[in-house]
Amino acid sequence: RAFSCDGKLVCHCSDYTTKVWQQGALYRVFKEKAKVTASVFSSDGTSVLTAAKKEVRLWHLDTQKLILKLNHKEKVWSCDISLKCNRIVTTCADNIIRIWHSENGKILHKLLGHTQFVTSCIFSEDLRLVTSSFDRSLRTWDAITGTSLYTYESTSISPYS
């Protein structure tokens, strides 16, 4: 989500920062030690989730304080957060999708099935998770149990969907 739920804020990752804009003016800047590959707002608009190199960080939007840091062994490609189910999802270069608890940072599930880099992930409102990969598949998962629900494979599916 590049836009906050109320539509008043926009976040954009560039180089070593995630910038948050409010009505055309720079509102906040979150600095990282590496190039930022993803950034999203939490559903309540109080925090921003960023991915840079092998780390995912959850920041408090107003105070800019670090709430949570999730370490990976490989480069992180994408991330998303769902406060509805207290979950953070991350994808990285090892083809594994990780579902974390958003309050304590514990890994709840490691999802396997994609055969190449998992490039994107997003939670749905009905507590499902959709992922896409360079293997040209989309997969739908139960965000609570980690169970695979559906797989869509096609040569026409973009890995950046």
Protein backbone atom coordinates (compact mmCIF):
# COMPACT_ATOMS: atom_id res chain seq x y z
CA ARG A 1 0.00 0.00 0.00
CA ALA A 2 1.72 3.12 -1.21
CA PHE A 3 -1.24 5.13 0.09
CA SER A 4 -2.38 5.29 3.69
CA CYS A 5 -5.94 4.04 4.27
CA ASP A 6 -7.28 7.58 4.54
CA GLY A 7 -5.49 8.53 1.31
CA LYS A 8 -3.70 11.47 2.90
CA LEU A 9 -0.20 9.97 2.90
CA VAL A 10 1.93 8.42 0.17
CA CYS A 11 5.14 6.46 0.74
CA HIS A 12 7.88 5.87 -1.78
CA CYS A 13 11.17 4.02 -1.44
CA SER A 14 14.23 5.33 -3.22
CA ASP A 15 17.87 4.54 -2.72
CA TYR A 16 18.48 4.36 1.05
CA THR A 17 15.27 6.01 2.22
CA THR A 18 11.53 5.66 2.43
CA LYS A 19 9.87 9.02 2.10
CA VAL A 20 6.34 9.77 3.29
CA TRP A 21 4.51 12.65 1.65
CA GLN A 22 1.44 14.47 2.96
CA GLN A 23 -0.51 16.62 0.51
CA GLY A 24 2.56 17.14 -1.67
CA ALA A 25 4.93 18.03 1.17
CA LEU A 26 7.63 15.78 2.60
CA TYR A 27 6.32 14.52 5.97
CA ARG A 28 8.77 11.84 7.18
CA VAL A 29 12.00 10.20 6.02
CA PHE A 30 13.06 6.75 7.21
CA LYS A 31 16.76 6.07 6.55
CA GLU A 32 18.20 2.62 5.97
CA LYS A 33 21.74 1.22 5.69
CA ALA A 34 20.97 -0.35 2.31
CA LYS A 35 18.83 0.25 -0.76
CA VAL A 36 15.14 0.04 0.13
CA THR A 37 13.26 -2.55 -1.96
CA ALA A 38 9.76 -2.19 -0.49
CA SER A 39 7.67 0.00 1.80
CA VAL A 40 4.01 -0.18 2.86
CA PHE A 41 1.71 1.46 5.38
CA SER A 42 -0.02 -0.50 8.10
CA SER A 43 -3.79 -0.64 7.68
CA ASP A 44 -4.36 1.81 10.54
CA GLY A 45 -1.83 4.28 9.13
CA THR A 46 0.25 4.45 12.31
CA SER A 47 3.31 2.62 11.00
CA VAL A 48 5.43 1.98 7.93
CA LEU A 49 7.05 -1.33 7.03
CA THR A 50 10.30 -1.13 5.04
CA ALA A 51 12.57 -3.74 3.45
CA ALA A 52 16.25 -3.09 2.79
CA LYS A 53 18.83 -5.75 1.93
CA LYS A 54 18.34 -8.51 4.52
CA GLU A 55 16.18 -6.60 7.01
CA VAL A 56 12.56 -5.62 7.38
CA ARG A 57 11.76 -2.84 9.80
CA LEU A 58 8.50 -1.65 11.28
CA TRP A 59 8.57 2.08 12.11
CA HIS A 60 6.14 4.21 14.09
CA LEU A 61 5.04 6.89 11.65
CA ASP A 62 4.73 9.85 14.04
CA THR A 63 7.72 9.24 16.32
CA GLN A 64 9.89 7.58 13.62
CA LYS A 65 11.01 5.08 16.24
CA LEU A 66 11.86 1.51 15.28
CA ILE A 67 9.18 -0.88 16.57
CA LEU A 68 10.42 -4.20 15.19
CA LYS A 69 13.30 -5.56 13.10
CA LEU A 70 13.12 -8.86 11.19
CA ASN A 71 16.40 -10.36 9.97
CA HIS A 72 16.79 -12.58 6.91
CA LYS A 73 19.71 -14.55 5.45
CA GLU A 74 18.98 -13.38 1.89
CA LYS A 75 17.85 -10.17 0.18
CA VAL A 76 14.23 -9.23 0.91
CA TRP A 77 12.12 -8.54 -2.18
CA SER A 78 8.76 -7.55 -0.71
CA CYS A 79 6.74 -7.23 2.49
CA ASP A 80 3.26 -6.47 3.75
CA ILE A 81 1.52 -6.08 7.08
CA SER A 82 -1.97 -6.97 8.31
CA LEU A 83 -2.94 -5.66 11.71
CA LYS A 84 -6.25 -7.49 11.35
CA CYS A 85 -4.42 -10.77 12.01
CA ASN A 86 -1.19 -9.41 13.57
CA ARG A 87 0.92 -10.68 10.68
CA ILE A 88 3.83 -9.46 8.61
CA VAL A 89 4.76 -11.32 5.44
CA THR A 90 8.18 -11.16 3.80
CA THR A 91 9.61 -12.68 0.64
CA CYS A 92 13.28 -13.01 -0.11
CA ALA A 93 15.80 -14.46 -2.53
CA ASP A 94 15.64 -17.95 -0.97
CA ASN A 95 12.11 -18.52 -2.43
CA ILE A 96 10.64 -18.83 1.09
CA ILE A 97 7.66 -16.77 2.23
CA ARG A 98 7.79 -16.00 5.93
CA ILE A 99 4.82 -15.04 8.05
CA TRP A 100 5.81 -13.28 11.27
CA HIS A 101 3.85 -12.12 14.30
CA SER A 102 3.72 -8.32 14.02
CA GLU A 103 4.07 -7.69 17.75
CA ASN A 104 6.88 -10.04 18.83
CA GLY A 105 8.66 -10.80 15.53
CA LYS A 106 8.41 -14.59 15.86
CA ILE A 107 8.20 -16.62 12.67
CA LEU A 108 4.80 -18.31 12.55
CA HIS A 109 5.06 -20.02 9.14
CA LYS A 110 7.57 -20.68 6.37
CA LEU A 111 5.67 -21.18 3.14
CA LEU A 112 7.20 -23.28 0.38
CA GLY A 113 6.00 -23.88 -3.15
CA HIS A 114 7.46 -21.25 -5.44
CA THR A 115 10.50 -22.50 -7.36
CA GLN A 116 12.09 -19.10 -8.05
CA PHE A 117 12.36 -15.70 -6.36
CA VAL A 118 9.09 -14.60 -4.77
CA THR A 119 8.81 -11.01 -5.90
CA SER A 120 5.61 -9.75 -4.32
CA CYS A 121 3.13 -10.42 -1.54
CA ILE A 122 -0.03 -8.81 -0.27
CA PHE A 123 -2.63 -9.55 2.39
CA SER A 124 -6.32 -9.43 1.49
CA GLU A 125 -9.09 -8.19 3.78
CA ASP A 126 -10.38 -11.78 4.19
CA LEU A 127 -7.05 -12.88 5.75
CA ARG A 128 -5.60 -14.48 2.68
CA LEU A 129 -2.18 -13.89 1.25
CA VAL A 130 -1.30 -13.69 -2.44
CA THR A 131 2.27 -14.14 -3.69
CA SER A 132 3.86 -14.01 -7.13
CA SER A 133 7.17 -15.34 -8.34
CA PHE A 134 9.64 -15.47 -11.22
CA ASP A 135 8.34 -19.04 -11.69
CA ARG A 136 5.29 -17.29 -13.27
CA SER A 137 2.85 -18.47 -10.65
CA LEU A 138 0.47 -16.77 -8.26
CA ARG A 139 -0.28 -18.56 -5.02
CA THR A 140 -3.02 -17.91 -2.50
CA TRP A 141 -2.47 -18.88 1.14
CA ASP A 142 -4.44 -18.79 4.37
CA ALA A 143 -2.67 -16.03 6.34
CA ILE A 144 -3.54 -17.58 9.71
CA THR A 145 -2.65 -21.25 9.13
CA GLY A 146 -0.14 -20.86 6.28
CA THR A 147 -2.06 -23.44 4.24
CA SER A 148 -1.74 -23.25 0.46
CA LEU A 149 -5.17 -22.62 -1.06
CA TYR A 150 -4.72 -22.11 -4.83
CA THR A 151 -1.95 -22.01 -7.41
CA TYR A 152 -2.28 -20.22 -10.74
CA GLU A 153 0.43 -20.94 -13.30
CA SER A 154 0.71 -19.23 -16.65
CA THR A 155 3.33 -17.99 -19.08
CA SER A 156 1.41 -14.69 -19.18
CA ILE A 157 1.64 -13.95 -15.43
CA SER A 158 4.19 -11.22 -14.69
CA PRO A 159 6.48 -11.96 -11.73
CA TYR A 160 5.87 -8.35 -10.67
CA SER A 161 2.08 -8.75 -10.33
